[in-house]
Amino acid sequence: MSGKTIDPEAVEDAIRRLVAERGEGKTICPSEAARALGGPHPDGWGPLMQPVRKAAIRLKQQGRLSILRKGKVVEDDDFKGVYRLSLPRADEA
């Protein structure tokens, strides 16, 4: 993956597919999306963590994804630390 650019739409598609497969009320780690795109070796998926974060924020802004920290939905887009991704939660409406 080194030196290659990844299509942001492909990143969004991977995230949406994984959270849909996991199901309502369940979360995925952002690294799962990066690994789905870049393969199992850290040299492949590691550089994709930032594009995954950016795609997750875009999907959250569109109401298509929830971003959670410590089990709670994040409100702002400049959150820090470990986070998880899920289908939109009912308590966000």
N, C-alpha and C. Protein backbone atom coordinates (compact mmCIF):
# COMPACT_ATOMS: atom_id res chain seq x y z
N MET A 1 0.82 -1.19 0.00
CA MET A 1 0.00 0.00 0.00
C MET A 1 0.87 1.25 0.00
N SER A 2 2.12 1.10 0.35
CA SER A 2 3.03 2.23 0.46
C SER A 2 3.09 3.02 -0.85
N GLY A 3 2.94 4.34 -0.75
CA GLY A 3 3.03 5.19 -1.91
C GLY A 3 1.75 5.27 -2.73
N LYS A 4 0.78 4.46 -2.42
CA LYS A 4 -0.48 4.47 -3.17
C LYS A 4 -1.50 5.32 -2.44
N THR A 5 -2.40 5.91 -3.21
CA THR A 5 -3.51 6.62 -2.59
C THR A 5 -4.73 5.71 -2.63
N ILE A 6 -5.60 5.90 -1.69
CA ILE A 6 -6.81 5.08 -1.61
C ILE A 6 -8.02 5.96 -1.86
N ASP A 7 -8.95 5.44 -2.60
CA ASP A 7 -10.18 6.16 -2.92
C ASP A 7 -11.01 6.34 -1.64
N PRO A 8 -11.32 7.58 -1.26
CA PRO A 8 -12.11 7.80 -0.06
C PRO A 8 -13.45 7.06 -0.08
N GLU A 9 -14.03 6.91 -1.25
CA GLU A 9 -15.29 6.18 -1.36
C GLU A 9 -15.11 4.70 -1.02
N ALA A 10 -13.96 4.14 -1.38
CA ALA A 10 -13.68 2.74 -1.05
C ALA A 10 -13.55 2.57 0.46
N VAL A 11 -12.98 3.56 1.11
CA VAL A 11 -12.84 3.52 2.57
C VAL A 11 -14.23 3.58 3.21
N GLU A 12 -15.07 4.50 2.75
CA GLU A 12 -16.43 4.62 3.28
C GLU A 12 -17.21 3.32 3.05
N ASP A 13 -17.05 2.74 1.86
CA ASP A 13 -17.75 1.49 1.56
C ASP A 13 -17.33 0.38 2.51
N ALA A 14 -16.03 0.28 2.79
CA ALA A 14 -15.53 -0.75 3.70
C ALA A 14 -16.11 -0.56 5.10
N ILE A 15 -16.13 0.67 5.57
CA ILE A 15 -16.68 0.96 6.90
C ILE A 15 -18.16 0.59 6.96
N ARG A 16 -18.92 1.05 5.97
CA ARG A 16 -20.37 0.77 5.96
C ARG A 16 -20.64 -0.74 5.91
N ARG A 17 -19.87 -1.44 5.09
CA ARG A 17 -20.06 -2.89 4.97
C ARG A 17 -19.78 -3.59 6.30
N LEU A 18 -18.67 -3.22 6.94
CA LEU A 18 -18.30 -3.88 8.19
C LEU A 18 -19.29 -3.60 9.33
N VAL A 19 -19.74 -2.35 9.47
CA VAL A 19 -20.69 -2.07 10.55
C VAL A 19 -22.04 -2.74 10.26
N ALA A 20 -22.42 -2.82 8.99
CA ALA A 20 -23.68 -3.50 8.63
C ALA A 20 -23.58 -4.99 8.94
N GLU A 21 -22.43 -5.59 8.61
CA GLU A 21 -22.23 -7.01 8.91
C GLU A 21 -22.24 -7.28 10.41
N ARG A 22 -21.67 -6.35 11.18
CA ARG A 22 -21.60 -6.52 12.64
C ARG A 22 -22.98 -6.40 13.25
N GLY A 23 -23.79 -5.48 12.70
CA GLY A 23 -25.17 -5.37 13.14
C GLY A 23 -25.42 -4.25 14.14
N GLU A 24 -26.71 -4.00 14.34
CA GLU A 24 -27.15 -2.94 15.24
C GLU A 24 -26.69 -3.21 16.66
N GLY A 25 -26.23 -2.17 17.33
CA GLY A 25 -25.80 -2.29 18.72
C GLY A 25 -24.40 -2.85 18.89
N LYS A 26 -23.72 -3.17 17.79
CA LYS A 26 -22.36 -3.71 17.84
C LYS A 26 -21.41 -2.71 17.19
N THR A 27 -20.14 -2.78 17.54
CA THR A 27 -19.16 -1.84 17.01
C THR A 27 -18.02 -2.58 16.29
N ILE A 28 -17.29 -1.81 15.49
CA ILE A 28 -16.05 -2.30 14.91
C ILE A 28 -14.92 -1.37 15.32
N CYS A 29 -13.73 -1.89 15.28
CA CYS A 29 -12.54 -1.07 15.48
C CYS A 29 -12.18 -0.46 14.13
N PRO A 30 -11.76 0.79 14.09
CA PRO A 30 -11.37 1.39 12.82
C PRO A 30 -10.29 0.58 12.10
N SER A 31 -9.44 -0.10 12.86
CA SER A 31 -8.39 -0.90 12.23
C SER A 31 -8.97 -2.06 11.42
N GLU A 32 -10.17 -2.50 11.75
CA GLU A 32 -10.80 -3.55 10.95
C GLU A 32 -11.04 -3.07 9.53
N ALA A 33 -11.47 -1.83 9.38
CA ALA A 33 -11.68 -1.27 8.04
C ALA A 33 -10.35 -1.10 7.34
N ALA A 34 -9.35 -0.61 8.06
CA ALA A 34 -8.02 -0.44 7.46
C ALA A 34 -7.45 -1.78 7.01
N ARG A 35 -7.63 -2.82 7.81
CA ARG A 35 -7.13 -4.15 7.44
C ARG A 35 -7.89 -4.73 6.26
N ALA A 36 -9.18 -4.44 6.18
CA ALA A 36 -9.98 -4.93 5.05
C ALA A 36 -9.46 -4.35 3.74
N LEU A 37 -8.91 -3.16 3.80
CA LEU A 37 -8.41 -2.49 2.60
C LEU A 37 -6.93 -2.73 2.35
N GLY A 38 -6.15 -2.79 3.43
CA GLY A 38 -4.70 -2.84 3.29
C GLY A 38 -4.06 -4.17 3.58
N GLY A 39 -4.86 -5.15 4.03
CA GLY A 39 -4.30 -6.47 4.33
C GLY A 39 -3.85 -6.58 5.78
N PRO A 40 -3.38 -7.76 6.15
CA PRO A 40 -3.07 -8.04 7.55
C PRO A 40 -1.77 -7.44 8.08
N HIS A 41 -0.85 -7.07 7.21
CA HIS A 41 0.43 -6.55 7.67
C HIS A 41 0.31 -5.06 8.01
N PRO A 42 0.90 -4.65 9.14
CA PRO A 42 0.81 -3.24 9.55
C PRO A 42 1.31 -2.25 8.50
N ASP A 43 2.25 -2.66 7.66
CA ASP A 43 2.73 -1.77 6.61
C ASP A 43 1.64 -1.48 5.59
N GLY A 44 0.68 -2.39 5.48
CA GLY A 44 -0.43 -2.21 4.55
C GLY A 44 -1.58 -1.42 5.14
N TRP A 45 -1.96 -1.78 6.39
CA TRP A 45 -3.14 -1.12 6.96
C TRP A 45 -2.82 0.10 7.81
N GLY A 46 -1.63 0.17 8.37
CA GLY A 46 -1.27 1.30 9.24
C GLY A 46 -1.46 2.66 8.60
N PRO A 47 -0.96 2.84 7.36
CA PRO A 47 -1.14 4.14 6.71
C PRO A 47 -2.59 4.48 6.40
N LEU A 48 -3.49 3.52 6.52
CA LEU A 48 -4.89 3.77 6.20
C LEU A 48 -5.71 4.24 7.40
N MET A 49 -5.10 4.27 8.57
CA MET A 49 -5.85 4.66 9.76
C MET A 49 -6.36 6.10 9.67
N GLN A 50 -5.57 7.01 9.14
CA GLN A 50 -6.02 8.40 9.02
C GLN A 50 -7.13 8.53 7.97
N PRO A 51 -7.00 7.89 6.78
CA PRO A 51 -8.12 7.93 5.84
C PRO A 51 -9.40 7.30 6.41
N VAL A 52 -9.27 6.26 7.24
CA VAL A 52 -10.44 5.65 7.86
C VAL A 52 -11.08 6.64 8.83
N ARG A 53 -10.29 7.33 9.61
CA ARG A 53 -10.83 8.33 10.55
C ARG A 53 -11.58 9.43 9.80
N LYS A 54 -10.97 9.94 8.73
CA LYS A 54 -11.61 11.00 7.95
C LYS A 54 -12.92 10.51 7.33
N ALA A 55 -12.93 9.29 6.82
CA ALA A 55 -14.15 8.73 6.23
C ALA A 55 -15.22 8.53 7.30
N ALA A 56 -14.81 8.09 8.48
CA ALA A 56 -15.76 7.90 9.58
C ALA A 56 -16.41 9.23 9.96
N ILE A 57 -15.62 10.28 10.00
CA ILE A 57 -16.16 11.60 10.34
C ILE A 57 -17.16 12.05 9.27
N ARG A 58 -16.82 11.84 7.99
CA ARG A 58 -17.75 12.20 6.91
C ARG A 58 -19.06 11.43 7.05
N LEU A 59 -18.97 10.13 7.31
CA LEU A 59 -20.18 9.30 7.45
C LEU A 59 -20.99 9.73 8.66
N LYS A 60 -20.32 10.10 9.74
CA LYS A 60 -21.01 10.59 10.94
C LYS A 60 -21.76 11.88 10.62
N GLN A 61 -21.11 12.79 9.90
CA GLN A 61 -21.74 14.06 9.54
C GLN A 61 -22.97 13.85 8.64
N GLN A 62 -22.97 12.77 7.87
CA GLN A 62 -24.10 12.44 7.00
C GLN A 62 -25.19 11.66 7.74
N GLY A 63 -24.93 11.32 9.01
CA GLY A 63 -25.90 10.56 9.78
C GLY A 63 -25.91 9.07 9.46
N ARG A 64 -24.85 8.59 8.84
CA ARG A 64 -24.79 7.19 8.42
C ARG A 64 -23.94 6.32 9.34
N LEU A 65 -23.35 6.92 10.39
CA LEU A 65 -22.43 6.20 11.26
C LEU A 65 -22.40 6.87 12.62
N SER A 66 -22.14 6.09 13.64
CA SER A 66 -21.87 6.63 14.97
C SER A 66 -20.41 6.38 15.30
N ILE A 67 -19.80 7.35 15.93
CA ILE A 67 -18.44 7.22 16.44
C ILE A 67 -18.56 7.26 17.95
N LEU A 68 -17.99 6.26 18.60
CA LEU A 68 -18.11 6.16 20.05
C LEU A 68 -16.75 6.15 20.73
N ARG A 69 -16.70 6.81 21.87
CA ARG A 69 -15.55 6.75 22.78
C ARG A 69 -16.07 6.36 24.14
N LYS A 70 -15.47 5.34 24.70
CA LYS A 70 -15.88 4.85 26.02
C LYS A 70 -17.38 4.55 26.06
N GLY A 71 -17.91 4.05 24.92
CA GLY A 71 -19.31 3.65 24.84
C GLY A 71 -20.30 4.77 24.61
N LYS A 72 -19.80 6.00 24.50
CA LYS A 72 -20.69 7.14 24.29
C LYS A 72 -20.44 7.77 22.93
N VAL A 73 -21.52 8.21 22.30
CA VAL A 73 -21.43 8.84 20.98
C VAL A 73 -20.67 10.16 21.11
N VAL A 74 -19.69 10.37 20.24
CA VAL A 74 -18.96 11.64 20.24
C VAL A 74 -19.77 12.68 19.49
N GLU A 75 -19.73 13.88 19.99
CA GLU A 75 -20.50 14.97 19.38
C GLU A 75 -19.66 15.79 18.40
N ASP A 76 -18.40 16.03 18.75
CA ASP A 76 -17.57 16.86 17.88
C ASP A 76 -16.72 15.99 16.96
N ASP A 77 -16.07 16.62 16.01
CA ASP A 77 -15.29 15.88 15.02
C ASP A 77 -13.80 15.88 15.32
N ASP A 78 -13.38 16.51 16.41
CA ASP A 78 -11.96 16.53 16.75
C ASP A 78 -11.68 15.74 18.03
N PHE A 79 -12.39 14.63 18.19
CA PHE A 79 -12.21 13.76 19.35
C PHE A 79 -10.80 13.17 19.35
N LYS A 80 -10.36 12.75 20.51
CA LYS A 80 -9.03 12.17 20.66
C LYS A 80 -9.15 10.76 21.23
N GLY A 81 -8.13 9.97 21.01
CA GLY A 81 -8.04 8.66 21.63
C GLY A 81 -8.71 7.54 20.86
N VAL A 82 -8.86 6.43 21.56
CA VAL A 82 -9.43 5.22 20.99
C VAL A 82 -10.92 5.41 20.74
N TYR A 83 -11.37 4.95 19.58
CA TYR A 83 -12.78 5.09 19.24
C TYR A 83 -13.26 3.84 18.52
N ARG A 84 -14.58 3.68 18.47
CA ARG A 84 -15.23 2.56 17.80
C ARG A 84 -16.26 3.12 16.84
N LEU A 85 -16.68 2.28 15.89
CA LEU A 85 -17.66 2.69 14.89
C LEU A 85 -18.85 1.76 14.92
N SER A 86 -20.04 2.31 14.69
CA SER A 86 -21.26 1.49 14.66
C SER A 86 -22.28 2.11 13.74
N LEU A 87 -23.33 1.35 13.49
CA LEU A 87 -24.49 1.91 12.81
C LEU A 87 -25.02 3.04 13.67
N PRO A 88 -25.72 4.01 13.07
CA PRO A 88 -26.27 5.11 13.87
C PRO A 88 -27.14 4.56 15.01
N ARG A 89 -26.99 5.17 16.15
CA ARG A 89 -27.75 4.73 17.32
C ARG A 89 -29.03 5.53 17.45
N ALA A 90 -30.05 4.88 17.98
CA ALA A 90 -31.37 5.51 18.14
C ALA A 90 -31.30 6.73 19.06
N ASP A 91 -30.39 6.72 20.04
CA ASP A 91 -30.30 7.84 20.98
C ASP A 91 -29.65 9.08 20.37
N GLU A 92 -29.28 9.03 19.10
CA GLU A 92 -28.70 10.20 18.44
C GLU A 92 -29.77 11.06 17.78
N ALA A 93 -30.94 10.50 17.59
CA ALA A 93 -32.00 11.23 16.90
C ALA A 93 -32.58 12.34 17.73
